[in-house]
Amino acid sequence: MKARVLPRLWWPAGLILLLAQPALATQAHSAPEGLYAHQLAHVFFIVSMGVLIYWLRARQLVKVVGWRHIQYAALFFILWNVDAICVHLLEEQIAVVNVERLKGWQIRISAPNHPGLALEWLYYAAKLDHLLCVPALLFLYSGLKRLLKETNPDSRRAIQS
């Protein structure tokens, strides 16, 4: 039964992908209140992940592989939030970096009031925040998956199917 249903699902999925419009998934924060609330949310997330790491270590749960992976996820989430705070600060709060869209996928990053390229490179590196967020999500998934396997022996079949 599964083998017959799967090919029927491919063509609608392909059609949806071909007709898709740009998502424009970036969000501008209205200044200053929206940006302040957003920055405070990053700080709250950092504190929350710090408390999670503290309790995992205080209760010695990190001896279990699943909880250890969740601890690593929390650490990567902290790093991701610190990175996001720095990007918001450079681009929106103190506005020392200008980002100009050129044609296609090209952009120009400049810091007109700061000589040298250090600030531009710092901003560019900080915008690669997915290099911190994706490992955090992978560690979280791995930790939850391992905890599920350890607590429920029947879950092994459910995860594999």
Protein backbone atom coordinates (compact mmCIF):
# COMPACT_ATOMS: atom_id res chain seq x y z
CA MET A 1 0.00 0.00 0.00
CA LYS A 2 2.77 2.47 0.92
CA ALA A 3 4.63 1.89 -2.34
CA ARG A 4 1.56 2.98 -4.38
CA VAL A 5 0.74 6.07 -2.32
CA LEU A 6 4.24 7.55 -2.35
CA PRO A 7 4.51 8.20 -6.13
CA ARG A 8 1.12 9.92 -6.05
CA LEU A 9 2.43 12.37 -3.47
CA TRP A 10 5.53 13.35 -5.46
CA TRP A 11 3.83 15.29 -8.24
CA PRO A 12 1.78 17.62 -5.95
CA ALA A 13 4.89 18.29 -3.85
CA GLY A 14 6.90 19.05 -7.00
CA LEU A 15 4.14 21.32 -8.30
CA ILE A 16 4.04 23.24 -5.02
CA LEU A 17 7.83 23.72 -5.15
CA LEU A 18 7.70 24.97 -8.74
CA LEU A 19 4.95 27.49 -8.00
CA ALA A 20 6.46 28.75 -4.74
CA GLN A 21 7.01 32.47 -4.25
CA PRO A 22 9.84 34.03 -2.20
CA ALA A 23 9.11 33.76 1.52
CA LEU A 24 11.01 36.90 2.52
CA ALA A 25 11.74 35.34 5.88
CA THR A 26 13.65 38.24 7.40
CA GLN A 27 11.95 40.41 9.95
CA ALA A 28 12.60 44.09 10.50
CA HIS A 29 12.17 45.23 14.09
CA SER A 30 10.44 48.54 14.51
CA ALA A 31 12.74 50.82 16.41
CA PRO A 32 13.26 51.21 19.24
CA GLU A 33 10.60 49.24 21.15
CA GLY A 34 10.50 46.19 18.88
CA LEU A 35 14.26 45.85 18.85
CA TYR A 36 14.53 46.26 22.63
CA ALA A 37 11.89 43.60 23.23
CA HIS A 38 13.65 41.33 20.74
CA GLN A 39 17.04 41.84 22.40
CA LEU A 40 15.50 41.17 25.82
CA ALA A 41 14.07 37.92 24.44
CA HIS A 42 17.60 36.89 23.40
CA VAL A 43 18.86 37.67 26.92
CA PHE A 44 15.97 35.72 28.48
CA PHE A 45 16.77 32.74 26.23
CA ILE A 46 20.46 32.91 27.27
CA VAL A 47 19.52 32.94 30.96
CA SER A 48 17.04 30.08 30.46
CA MET A 49 19.62 27.90 28.73
CA GLY A 50 22.17 28.76 31.43
CA VAL A 51 19.72 27.65 34.14
CA LEU A 52 19.02 24.44 32.20
CA ILE A 53 22.75 23.67 31.99
CA TYR A 54 23.13 24.43 35.71
CA TRP A 55 20.32 22.05 36.73
CA LEU A 56 21.48 19.30 34.38
CA ARG A 57 24.94 19.46 35.93
CA ALA A 58 23.74 19.93 39.53
CA ARG A 59 21.57 16.83 39.29
CA GLN A 60 24.31 14.96 37.44
CA LEU A 61 21.99 14.16 34.56
CA VAL A 62 24.76 14.82 32.06
CA LYS A 63 26.10 11.34 32.78
CA VAL A 64 23.25 10.10 30.58
CA VAL A 65 24.07 10.62 26.88
CA GLY A 66 20.65 12.07 26.01
CA TRP A 67 20.85 14.74 28.69
CA ARG A 68 24.46 15.48 27.75
CA HIS A 69 23.35 16.17 24.18
CA ILE A 70 20.62 18.46 25.49
CA GLN A 71 23.29 20.28 27.50
CA TYR A 72 25.33 20.76 24.32
CA ALA A 73 22.21 22.05 22.58
CA ALA A 74 21.71 24.60 25.36
CA LEU A 75 25.34 25.71 25.03
CA PHE A 76 24.99 26.18 21.26
CA PHE A 77 21.71 28.08 21.83
CA ILE A 78 23.56 30.41 24.22
CA LEU A 79 26.29 31.03 21.62
CA TRP A 80 23.66 31.58 18.92
CA ASN A 81 21.83 34.17 21.04
CA VAL A 82 25.04 36.04 21.90
CA ASP A 83 25.83 36.09 18.18
CA ALA A 84 22.33 37.38 17.34
CA ILE A 85 22.61 40.13 19.96
CA CYS A 86 25.93 41.25 18.42
CA VAL A 87 24.44 41.37 14.91
CA HIS A 88 21.41 43.38 16.06
CA LEU A 89 23.70 45.72 17.95
CA LEU A 90 26.05 46.33 15.01
CA GLU A 91 23.37 46.71 12.35
CA GLU A 92 20.36 48.19 14.10
CA GLN A 93 21.17 49.67 17.50
CA ILE A 94 24.47 51.48 17.06
CA ALA A 95 24.24 51.31 13.24
CA VAL A 96 27.97 51.11 12.52
CA VAL A 97 27.51 48.62 9.68
CA ASN A 98 25.67 49.33 6.43
CA VAL A 99 24.35 46.48 4.33
CA GLU A 100 23.52 47.32 0.75
CA ARG A 101 21.77 44.90 -1.60
CA LEU A 102 23.29 44.74 -5.06
CA LYS A 103 22.00 42.71 -7.98
CA GLY A 104 21.02 39.09 -7.40
CA TRP A 105 22.45 37.51 -4.27
CA GLN A 106 25.20 40.07 -3.84
CA ILE A 107 25.46 42.47 -0.94
CA ARG A 108 28.00 45.07 0.14
CA ILE A 109 28.92 45.33 3.81
CA SER A 110 30.60 48.54 4.85
CA ALA A 111 31.52 50.35 8.04
CA PRO A 112 32.17 53.90 6.76
CA ASN A 113 33.25 55.42 10.08
CA HIS A 114 35.65 52.61 10.98
CA PRO A 115 38.86 52.17 8.96
CA GLY A 116 40.00 48.70 8.07
CA LEU A 117 37.95 45.61 7.38
CA ALA A 118 37.77 44.15 10.90
CA LEU A 119 34.23 45.33 11.62
CA GLU A 120 32.94 44.17 8.24
CA TRP A 121 34.48 40.72 8.71
CA LEU A 122 33.13 40.50 12.27
CA TYR A 123 29.64 41.35 11.03
CA TYR A 124 29.90 38.88 8.13
CA ALA A 125 31.05 36.08 10.44
CA ALA A 126 28.32 36.89 12.95
CA LYS A 127 25.64 36.72 10.24
CA LEU A 128 26.57 33.04 9.77
CA ASP A 129 24.50 32.29 12.87
CA HIS A 130 23.09 29.11 11.34
CA LEU A 131 26.50 27.55 12.06
CA LEU A 132 25.49 27.75 15.73
CA CYS A 133 21.73 27.25 15.53
CA VAL A 134 21.73 24.11 13.36
CA PRO A 135 24.10 22.15 15.66
CA ALA A 136 21.93 23.25 18.60
CA LEU A 137 18.85 21.81 16.95
CA LEU A 138 20.69 18.61 15.96
CA PHE A 139 21.95 18.09 19.53
CA LEU A 140 18.45 18.75 20.88
CA TYR A 141 16.94 16.23 18.46
CA SER A 142 19.63 13.66 19.23
CA GLY A 143 19.23 14.11 22.98
CA LEU A 144 15.45 13.79 22.88
CA LYS A 145 15.68 10.76 20.60
CA ARG A 146 18.15 9.01 22.94
CA LEU A 147 16.04 9.81 26.00
CA LEU A 148 12.98 8.39 24.26
CA LYS A 149 14.85 5.17 23.42
CA GLU A 150 16.07 4.78 27.01
CA THR A 151 12.70 5.35 28.66
CA ASN A 152 10.44 3.41 26.30
CA PRO A 153 11.66 0.13 24.77
CA ASP A 154 8.78 0.13 22.25
CA SER A 155 9.84 3.56 20.96
CA ARG A 156 12.70 2.00 18.99
CA ARG A 157 10.20 0.61 16.49
CA ALA A 158 8.25 3.89 16.32
CA ILE A 159 11.39 5.96 15.64
CA GLN A 160 12.64 3.66 12.89
CA SER A 161 9.36 3.62 10.99
